[in-house]
C-alpha atoms as a PDB file:
ATOM      1  CA  UNK A   1      -2.648 -41.458 -21.787  1.00  0.00           C
ATOM      2  CA  UNK A   2      -2.192 -39.263 -24.867  1.00  0.00           C
ATOM      3  CA  UNK A   3      -0.847 -40.730 -28.098  1.00  0.00           C
ATOM      4  CA  UNK A   4       1.560 -37.783 -28.304  1.00  0.00           C
ATOM      5  CA  UNK A   5       2.476 -35.091 -25.829  1.00  0.00           C
ATOM      6  CA  UNK A   6       4.927 -32.327 -26.698  1.00  0.00           C
ATOM      7  CA  UNK A   7       5.902 -29.778 -24.065  1.00  0.00           C
ATOM      8  CA  UNK A   8       8.028 -26.649 -24.423  1.00  0.00           C
ATOM      9  CA  UNK A   9       9.758 -27.744 -27.624  1.00  0.00           C
ATOM     10  CA  UNK A  10      12.103 -25.288 -29.341  1.00  0.00           C
ATOM     11  CA  UNK A  11      14.573 -25.786 -32.166  1.00  0.00           C
ATOM     12  CA  UNK A  12      17.105 -23.612 -33.977  1.00  0.00           C
ATOM     13  CA  UNK A  13      18.946 -23.879 -37.262  1.00  0.00           C
ATOM     14  CA  UNK A  14      21.912 -21.656 -36.510  1.00  0.00           C
ATOM     15  CA  UNK A  15      20.468 -18.258 -35.678  1.00  0.00           C
ATOM     16  CA  UNK A  16      17.068 -19.134 -37.146  1.00  0.00           C
ATOM     17  CA  UNK A  17      14.431 -20.266 -34.664  1.00  0.00           C
ATOM     18  CA  UNK A  18      12.269 -22.902 -36.362  1.00  0.00           C
ATOM     19  CA  UNK A  19      10.151 -23.815 -33.326  1.00  0.00           C
ATOM     20  CA  UNK A  20       9.493 -21.621 -30.312  1.00  0.00           C
ATOM     21  CA  UNK A  21       8.180 -23.222 -27.101  1.00  0.00           C
ATOM     22  CA  UNK A  22       5.746 -25.551 -28.894  1.00  0.00           C
ATOM     23  CA  UNK A  23       3.345 -27.594 -26.768  1.00  0.00           C
ATOM     24  CA  UNK A  24       0.585 -29.823 -28.121  1.00  0.00           C
ATOM     25  CA  UNK A  25      -1.179 -33.113 -27.506  1.00  0.00           C
ATOM     26  CA  UNK A  26      -2.730 -35.757 -29.714  1.00  0.00           C
ATOM     27  CA  UNK A  27      -5.400 -37.489 -27.611  1.00  0.00           C
ATOM     28  CA  UNK A  28      -5.701 -41.236 -28.007  1.00  0.00           C
ATOM     29  CA  UNK A  29      -8.154 -42.074 -30.779  1.00  0.00           C
ATOM     30  CA  UNK A  30      -7.959 -38.556 -32.189  1.00  0.00           C
ATOM     31  CA  UNK A  31      -7.560 -37.102 -35.663  1.00  0.00           C
ATOM     32  CA  UNK A  32      -5.482 -34.033 -34.855  1.00  0.00           C
ATOM     33  CA  UNK A  33      -4.776 -31.591 -37.662  1.00  0.00           C
ATOM     34  CA  UNK A  34      -1.546 -29.584 -37.563  1.00  0.00           C
ATOM     35  CA  UNK A  35      -2.399 -26.614 -39.742  1.00  0.00           C
ATOM     36  CA  UNK A  36       0.155 -24.171 -41.077  1.00  0.00           C
ATOM     37  CA  UNK A  37       1.428 -22.604 -44.260  1.00  0.00           C
ATOM     38  CA  UNK A  38       4.647 -23.841 -45.832  1.00  0.00           C
ATOM     39  CA  UNK A  39       7.500 -22.821 -43.553  1.00  0.00           C
ATOM     40  CA  UNK A  40       5.377 -22.833 -40.387  1.00  0.00           C
ATOM     41  CA  UNK A  41       7.562 -25.514 -38.791  1.00  0.00           C
ATOM     42  CA  UNK A  42       5.434 -28.614 -39.374  1.00  0.00           C
ATOM     43  CA  UNK A  43       8.181 -30.683 -41.001  1.00  0.00           C
ATOM     44  CA  UNK A  44      10.725 -29.586 -38.385  1.00  0.00           C
ATOM     45  CA  UNK A  45       8.322 -30.752 -35.691  1.00  0.00           C
ATOM     46  CA  UNK A  46       7.893 -34.117 -37.399  1.00  0.00           C
ATOM     47  CA  UNK A  47      11.662 -34.439 -37.795  1.00  0.00           C
ATOM     48  CA  UNK A  48      12.082 -33.999 -34.040  1.00  0.00           C
ATOM     49  CA  UNK A  49       9.355 -36.519 -33.200  1.00  0.00           C
ATOM     50  CA  UNK A  50      10.910 -39.070 -35.571  1.00  0.00           C
ATOM     51  CA  UNK A  51      14.446 -38.364 -34.266  1.00  0.00           C
ATOM     52  CA  UNK A  52      15.785 -37.125 -37.583  1.00  0.00           C
ATOM     53  CA  UNK A  53      16.777 -34.152 -35.423  1.00  0.00           C
ATOM     54  CA  UNK A  54      17.543 -34.291 -31.708  1.00  0.00           C
ATOM     55  CA  UNK A  55      15.581 -32.053 -29.389  1.00  0.00           C
ATOM     56  CA  UNK A  56      17.699 -30.163 -26.887  1.00  0.00           C
ATOM     57  CA  UNK A  57      14.826 -28.382 -25.176  1.00  0.00           C
ATOM     58  CA  UNK A  58      11.365 -29.491 -24.175  1.00  0.00           C
ATOM     59  CA  UNK A  59      10.010 -33.033 -24.084  1.00  0.00           C
ATOM     60  CA  UNK A  60       8.319 -35.443 -26.496  1.00  0.00           C
ATOM     61  CA  UNK A  61       6.312 -38.440 -25.284  1.00  0.00           C
ATOM     62  CA  UNK A  62       4.867 -41.058 -27.631  1.00  0.00           C
ATOM     63  CA  UNK A  63       2.233 -43.259 -25.972  1.00  0.00           C
ATOM     64  CA  UNK A  64       3.751 -42.365 -22.615  1.00  0.00           C
ATOM     65  CA  UNK A  65       7.368 -43.098 -23.586  1.00  0.00           C
ATOM     66  CA  UNK A  66       9.855 -40.239 -23.369  1.00  0.00           C
ATOM     67  CA  UNK A  67      11.650 -39.944 -26.692  1.00  0.00           C
ATOM     68  CA  UNK A  68      15.030 -39.049 -25.185  1.00  0.00           C
ATOM     69  CA  UNK A  69      15.022 -41.484 -22.270  1.00  0.00           C
ATOM     70  CA  UNK A  70      13.142 -44.365 -23.948  1.00  0.00           C
ATOM     71  CA  UNK A  71      13.780 -43.914 -27.678  1.00  0.00           C
ATOM     72  CA  UNK A  72      13.303 -47.543 -28.723  1.00  0.00           C
ATOM     73  CA  UNK A  73       9.956 -47.870 -26.962  1.00  0.00           C
ATOM     74  CA  UNK A  74       8.740 -44.490 -28.246  1.00  0.00           C
ATOM     75  CA  UNK A  75       9.728 -45.138 -31.860  1.00  0.00           C
ATOM     76  CA  UNK A  76       8.110 -48.585 -31.768  1.00  0.00           C
ATOM     77  CA  UNK A  77       4.745 -46.908 -31.099  1.00  0.00           C
ATOM     78  CA  UNK A  78       5.113 -44.556 -34.060  1.00  0.00           C
ATOM     79  CA  UNK A  79       4.206 -44.974 -37.751  1.00  0.00           C
ATOM     80  CA  UNK A  80       5.239 -42.288 -40.229  1.00  0.00           C
ATOM     81  CA  UNK A  81       4.123 -41.214 -43.698  1.00  0.00           C
ATOM     82  CA  UNK A  82       6.686 -38.691 -44.874  1.00  0.00           C
ATOM     83  CA  UNK A  83       6.000 -35.958 -47.411  1.00  0.00           C
ATOM     84  CA  UNK A  84       8.614 -37.461 -49.740  1.00  0.00           C
ATOM     85  CA  UNK A  85       8.016 -40.956 -51.103  1.00  0.00           C
ATOM     86  CA  UNK A  86       9.519 -43.693 -48.903  1.00  0.00           C
ATOM     87  CA  UNK A  87       8.869 -46.894 -50.897  1.00  0.00           C
ATOM     88  CA  UNK A  88      11.287 -48.571 -53.317  1.00  0.00           C
ATOM     89  CA  UNK A  89       9.561 -48.159 -56.689  1.00  0.00           C
ATOM     90  CA  UNK A  90      11.361 -51.174 -58.199  1.00  0.00           C
ATOM     91  CA  UNK A  91      10.139 -53.604 -55.542  1.00  0.00           C
ATOM     92  CA  UNK A  92       6.634 -54.978 -55.144  1.00  0.00           C
ATOM     93  CA  UNK A  93       4.284 -53.639 -52.523  1.00  0.00           C
ATOM     94  CA  UNK A  94       4.649 -56.848 -50.490  1.00  0.00           C
ATOM     95  CA  UNK A  95       8.457 -56.738 -50.723  1.00  0.00           C
ATOM     96  CA  UNK A  96       8.496 -53.183 -49.415  1.00  0.00           C
ATOM     97  CA  UNK A  97       6.274 -54.148 -46.494  1.00  0.00           C
ATOM     98  CA  UNK A  98       8.289 -57.279 -45.757  1.00  0.00           C
ATOM     99  CA  UNK A  99      11.469 -55.220 -45.566  1.00  0.00           C
ATOM    100  CA  UNK A 100       9.850 -52.766 -43.174  1.00  0.00           C
ATOM    101  CA  UNK A 101       8.464 -55.633 -41.061  1.00  0.00           C
ATOM    102  CA  UNK A 102      11.973 -57.092 -40.778  1.00  0.00           C
ATOM    103  CA  UNK A 103      13.276 -53.737 -39.537  1.00  0.00           C
ATOM    104  CA  UNK A 104      10.753 -54.004 -36.702  1.00  0.00           C
ATOM    105  CA  UNK A 105      11.808 -57.551 -35.850  1.00  0.00           C
ATOM    106  CA  UNK A 106       8.671 -59.219 -37.201  1.00  0.00           C
ATOM    107  CA  UNK A 107       9.355 -62.798 -38.315  1.00  0.00           C
ATOM    108  CA  UNK A 108       8.578 -63.951 -41.853  1.00  0.00           C
ATOM    109  CA  UNK A 109       5.458 -65.969 -41.038  1.00  0.00           C
ATOM    110  CA  UNK A 110       3.987 -63.249 -38.858  1.00  0.00           C
ATOM    111  CA  UNK A 111       4.970 -60.650 -41.449  1.00  0.00           C
ATOM    112  CA  UNK A 112       3.078 -62.427 -44.228  1.00  0.00           C
ATOM    113  CA  UNK A 113      -0.086 -62.426 -42.139  1.00  0.00           C
ATOM    114  CA  UNK A 114       0.387 -58.816 -41.103  1.00  0.00           C
ATOM    115  CA  UNK A 115       1.067 -57.687 -44.693  1.00  0.00           C
ATOM    116  CA  UNK A 116      -2.189 -59.275 -45.848  1.00  0.00           C
ATOM    117  CA  UNK A 117      -4.019 -57.577 -42.991  1.00  0.00           C
ATOM    118  CA  UNK A 118      -2.708 -54.041 -43.575  1.00  0.00           C
ATOM    119  CA  UNK A 119      -3.142 -54.266 -47.349  1.00  0.00           C
ATOM    120  CA  UNK A 120      -6.776 -55.202 -46.779  1.00  0.00           C
ATOM    121  CA  UNK A 121      -7.115 -52.212 -44.463  1.00  0.00           C
ATOM    122  CA  UNK A 122      -5.920 -49.829 -47.175  1.00  0.00           C
ATOM    123  CA  UNK A 123      -7.727 -51.585 -50.039  1.00  0.00           C
ATOM    124  CA  UNK A 124      -4.633 -52.854 -51.858  1.00  0.00           C
ATOM    125  CA  UNK A 125      -4.851 -56.597 -51.258  1.00  0.00           C
ATOM    126  CA  UNK A 126      -5.051 -57.228 -55.017  1.00  0.00           C
ATOM    127  CA  UNK A 127      -1.885 -55.195 -55.678  1.00  0.00           C
ATOM    128  CA  UNK A 128       0.494 -56.949 -53.272  1.00  0.00           C
ATOM    129  CA  UNK A 129       2.619 -58.426 -56.057  1.00  0.00           C
ATOM    130  CA  UNK A 130       2.711 -55.300 -58.214  1.00  0.00           C
ATOM    131  CA  UNK A 131       5.712 -53.028 -58.383  1.00  0.00           C
ATOM    132  CA  UNK A 132       5.221 -49.760 -56.568  1.00  0.00           C
ATOM    133  CA  UNK A 133       6.045 -47.954 -59.822  1.00  0.00           C
ATOM    134  CA  UNK A 134       2.885 -49.459 -61.375  1.00  0.00           C
ATOM    135  CA  UNK A 135       0.609 -47.866 -58.761  1.00  0.00           C
ATOM    136  CA  UNK A 136      -1.123 -44.530 -59.079  1.00  0.00           C
ATOM    137  CA  UNK A 137      -0.087 -41.695 -56.778  1.00  0.00           C
ATOM    138  CA  UNK A 138      -3.036 -42.312 -54.469  1.00  0.00           C
ATOM    139  CA  UNK A 139      -2.331 -46.045 -54.340  1.00  0.00           C
ATOM    140  CA  UNK A 140       1.301 -45.366 -53.489  1.00  0.00           C
ATOM    141  CA  UNK A 141       0.190 -43.187 -50.614  1.00  0.00           C
ATOM    142  CA  UNK A 142      -2.106 -45.938 -49.363  1.00  0.00           C
ATOM    143  CA  UNK A 143       0.792 -48.398 -49.613  1.00  0.00           C
ATOM    144  CA  UNK A 144       2.896 -46.031 -47.522  1.00  0.00           C
ATOM    145  CA  UNK A 145       0.144 -45.942 -44.908  1.00  0.00           C
ATOM    146  CA  UNK A 146       0.167 -49.758 -44.930  1.00  0.00           C
ATOM    147  CA  UNK A 147       3.929 -49.646 -44.369  1.00  0.00           C
ATOM    148  CA  UNK A 148       3.438 -47.279 -41.446  1.00  0.00           C
ATOM    149  CA  UNK A 149       0.852 -49.656 -39.931  1.00  0.00           C
ATOM    150  CA  UNK A 150       2.884 -52.853 -40.272  1.00  0.00           C
ATOM    151  CA  UNK A 151       4.132 -52.856 -36.655  1.00  0.00           C
ATOM    152  CA  UNK A 152       0.753 -51.831 -35.135  1.00  0.00           C
ATOM    153  CA  UNK A 153       1.715 -48.342 -33.921  1.00  0.00           C
ATOM    154  CA  UNK A 154      -0.326 -46.207 -31.542  1.00  0.00           C
ATOM    155  CA  UNK A 155       0.278 -43.004 -33.495  1.00  0.00           C
ATOM    156  CA  UNK A 156       0.465 -42.157 -37.188  1.00  0.00           C
ATOM    157  CA  UNK A 157       2.334 -39.040 -38.272  1.00  0.00           C
ATOM    158  CA  UNK A 158       1.308 -37.901 -41.752  1.00  0.00           C
ATOM    159  CA  UNK A 159       3.292 -34.992 -43.155  1.00  0.00           C
ATOM    160  CA  UNK A 160       1.359 -33.362 -46.016  1.00  0.00           C
ATOM    161  CA  UNK A 161       0.201 -36.839 -47.037  1.00  0.00           C
ATOM    162  CA  UNK A 162      -1.971 -35.578 -49.888  1.00  0.00           C
ATOM    163  CA  UNK A 163       0.660 -33.404 -51.581  1.00  0.00           C
ATOM    164  CA  UNK A 164       0.778 -34.001 -55.332  1.00  0.00           C
ATOM    165  CA  UNK A 165      -2.458 -36.013 -55.427  1.00  0.00           C
ATOM    166  CA  UNK A 166      -5.523 -35.240 -57.491  1.00  0.00           C
ATOM    167  CA  UNK A 167      -8.770 -34.337 -55.753  1.00  0.00           C
ATOM    168  CA  UNK A 168     -10.167 -37.891 -55.801  1.00  0.00           C
ATOM    169  CA  UNK A 169      -6.969 -39.492 -54.467  1.00  0.00           C
ATOM    170  CA  UNK A 170      -6.615 -36.791 -51.807  1.00  0.00           C
ATOM    171  CA  UNK A 171     -10.138 -37.508 -50.570  1.00  0.00           C
ATOM    172  CA  UNK A 172      -9.474 -41.267 -50.534  1.00  0.00           C
ATOM    173  CA  UNK A 173      -6.283 -40.949 -48.473  1.00  0.00           C
ATOM    174  CA  UNK A 174      -7.972 -38.619 -46.008  1.00  0.00           C
ATOM    175  CA  UNK A 175     -11.034 -40.875 -45.699  1.00  0.00           C
ATOM    176  CA  UNK A 176      -8.781 -43.908 -45.179  1.00  0.00           C
ATOM    177  CA  UNK A 177      -6.960 -42.196 -42.329  1.00  0.00           C
ATOM    178  CA  UNK A 178     -10.236 -41.298 -40.660  1.00  0.00           C
ATOM    179  CA  UNK A 179     -11.517 -44.886 -41.033  1.00  0.00           C
ATOM    180  CA  UNK A 180      -8.371 -46.269 -39.409  1.00  0.00           C
ATOM    181  CA  UNK A 181      -8.930 -44.024 -36.402  1.00  0.00           C
ATOM    182  CA  UNK A 182     -12.635 -44.836 -36.213  1.00  0.00           C
ATOM    183  CA  UNK A 183     -11.858 -48.564 -36.242  1.00  0.00           C
ATOM    184  CA  UNK A 184      -9.803 -48.104 -33.080  1.00  0.00           C
ATOM    185  CA  UNK A 185      -6.222 -48.657 -32.040  1.00  0.00           C
ATOM    186  CA  UNK A 186      -4.542 -45.722 -33.784  1.00  0.00           C
ATOM    187  CA  UNK A 187      -4.405 -41.925 -33.539  1.00  0.00           C
ATOM    188  CA  UNK A 188      -3.123 -39.475 -36.131  1.00  0.00           C
ATOM    189  CA  UNK A 189      -1.328 -36.154 -36.360  1.00  0.00           C
ATOM    190  CA  UNK A 190      -2.165 -34.869 -39.843  1.00  0.00           C
ATOM    191  CA  UNK A 191       0.033 -31.985 -41.011  1.00  0.00           C
ATOM    192  CA  UNK A 192      -1.552 -29.890 -43.740  1.00  0.00           C
ATOM    193  CA  UNK A 193      -1.882 -26.424 -45.220  1.00  0.00           C
ATOM    194  CA  UNK A 194      -5.256 -27.289 -46.807  1.00  0.00           C
ATOM    195  CA  UNK A 195      -8.126 -26.028 -44.682  1.00  0.00           C
ATOM    196  CA  UNK A 196     -10.835 -28.141 -46.297  1.00  0.00           C
ATOM    197  CA  UNK A 197      -9.122 -31.328 -45.072  1.00  0.00           C
ATOM    198  CA  UNK A 198     -10.195 -30.388 -41.534  1.00  0.00           C
ATOM    199  CA  UNK A 199     -13.614 -31.090 -39.981  1.00  0.00           C
ATOM    200  CA  UNK A 200     -15.357 -29.276 -37.167  1.00  0.00           C
ATOM    201  CA  UNK A 201     -15.000 -32.096 -34.631  1.00  0.00           C
ATOM    202  CA  UNK A 202     -11.285 -32.620 -35.315  1.00  0.00           C
ATOM    203  CA  UNK A 203      -8.679 -31.574 -32.808  1.00  0.00           C
ATOM    204  CA  UNK A 204      -6.690 -28.705 -34.318  1.00  0.00           C
ATOM    205  CA  UNK A 205      -3.317 -27.088 -33.721  1.00  0.00           C
ATOM    206  CA  UNK A 206      -2.485 -23.935 -35.689  1.00  0.00           C
ATOM    207  CA  UNK A 207       1.268 -23.508 -36.123  1.00  0.00           C
ATOM    208  CA  UNK A 208       2.721 -20.316 -37.585  1.00  0.00           C
ATOM    209  CA  UNK A 209       6.344 -19.207 -37.759  1.00  0.00           C
ATOM    210  CA  UNK A 210       7.271 -21.918 -35.279  1.00  0.00           C
ATOM    211  CA  UNK A 211       4.699 -21.013 -32.645  1.00  0.00           C
ATOM    212  CA  UNK A 212       1.349 -22.522 -31.664  1.00  0.00           C
ATOM    213  CA  UNK A 213      -1.261 -19.807 -32.128  1.00  0.00           C
ATOM    214  CA  UNK A 214      -4.300 -21.855 -31.129  1.00  0.00           C
ATOM    215  CA  UNK A 215      -5.301 -25.398 -30.212  1.00  0.00           C
ATOM    216  CA  UNK A 216      -8.556 -27.155 -29.413  1.00  0.00           C
ATOM    217  CA  UNK A 217     -11.591 -28.396 -31.283  1.00  0.00           C
ATOM    218  CA  UNK A 218     -11.825 -26.965 -34.776  1.00  0.00           C
ATOM    219  CA  UNK A 219     -15.396 -25.734 -34.381  1.00  0.00           C
ATOM    220  CA  UNK A 220     -14.495 -23.826 -31.222  1.00  0.00           C
ATOM    221  CA  UNK A 221     -11.431 -22.230 -32.819  1.00  0.00           C
ATOM    222  CA  UNK A 222     -13.268 -21.351 -36.018  1.00  0.00           C
ATOM    223  CA  UNK A 223     -16.210 -19.758 -34.219  1.00  0.00           C
ATOM    224  CA  UNK A 224     -18.858 -17.890 -36.191  1.00  0.00           C
ATOM    225  CA  UNK A 225     -16.298 -16.448 -38.623  1.00  0.00           C
ATOM    226  CA  UNK A 226     -15.319 -19.875 -39.964  1.00  0.00           C
ATOM    227  CA  UNK A 227     -11.904 -21.534 -40.062  1.00  0.00           C
ATOM    228  CA  UNK A 228     -10.594 -19.702 -43.117  1.00  0.00           C
ATOM    229  CA  UNK A 229     -11.213 -16.226 -41.721  1.00  0.00           C
ATOM    230  CA  UNK A 230     -10.006 -17.216 -38.247  1.00  0.00           C
ATOM    231  CA  UNK A 231      -6.802 -18.679 -39.679  1.00  0.00           C
ATOM    232  CA  UNK A 232      -6.137 -15.573 -41.747  1.00  0.00           C
ATOM    233  CA  UNK A 233      -6.780 -13.328 -38.739  1.00  0.00           C
ATOM    234  CA  UNK A 234      -4.511 -15.344 -36.447  1.00  0.00           C
ATOM    235  CA  UNK A 235      -1.637 -15.538 -38.902  1.00  0.00           C
ATOM    236  CA  UNK A 236      -1.986 -12.049 -40.332  1.00  0.00           C
ATOM    237  CA  UNK A 237      -2.073 -13.536 -43.824  1.00  0.00           C
ATOM    238  CA  UNK A 238      -3.747 -11.910 -46.781  1.00  0.00           C
ATOM    239  CA  UNK A 239      -6.852 -13.577 -48.180  1.00  0.00           C
END
C-alpha cells in the first residue's frame, strides 16, 4: 500500500487551471521529491491533500484511506510541515506539541511521553522548555517536524521546508527527514525548487505549470545529462 496515491487530480481558481490531471504516488518508506519552480502548483497540491481546498475531480488516498470518503482516517495518517511557520512563538516547544497532541486526542500522560520521544528524534530534547521565539530558524523547523510526528503519521508532507534557512540549517533539516524515513515507519513528500536537495535514488515527480512532466527514480529521469539539464529541457526554462 502506498503512503500517498493521487489520481487524475485537477483544480481551478476561477478560469485559471492550477493543476491539470495530476497523478503521483509516494511509495511506503520513500523520500519522494516534488520538484517545481515557484508557481508550478506544489502548494496547491499540498492544500488539496491537507483539505485546505476540496478536490472536485480525481482522487487522493493517504495510507489507503480515500480523502473524500474517509477524511478523518486519512488526515490522521498525515503530518504536515507548511511553508509558513505553524508554531506559537510565545509558547514553549513542549506547550506547542502538547496542544497539537490534544488536537489528535492524545491524553496528557501519553502526550508527555510522546513529546519526549519526538523531541529526541529531532535533537531538541534540551530545548523543550524554551520559547519557540528563542530557537534558531533551523531549530524551529525541527520543532515543526516534531509537531508533525506527534501522532505517529504514515506520511509527512513538507512544503519548501528549507525556505529561509542558511546552508547548514537546510542540510540539517534535510538530513533529519532522511533519517526519519530510514528509521522506518514514515514516508515523505518533499516539495522543493532546489535541485541539490535531491539524490539519485530518490523518487522524483517533476511538476510544471500544474502538470506532471516526469516521475520515477531521479537517476533514471536525469540520465546522462544530469538533473539540472533534464529539468531545464523538460520545463523549457532558461539556464
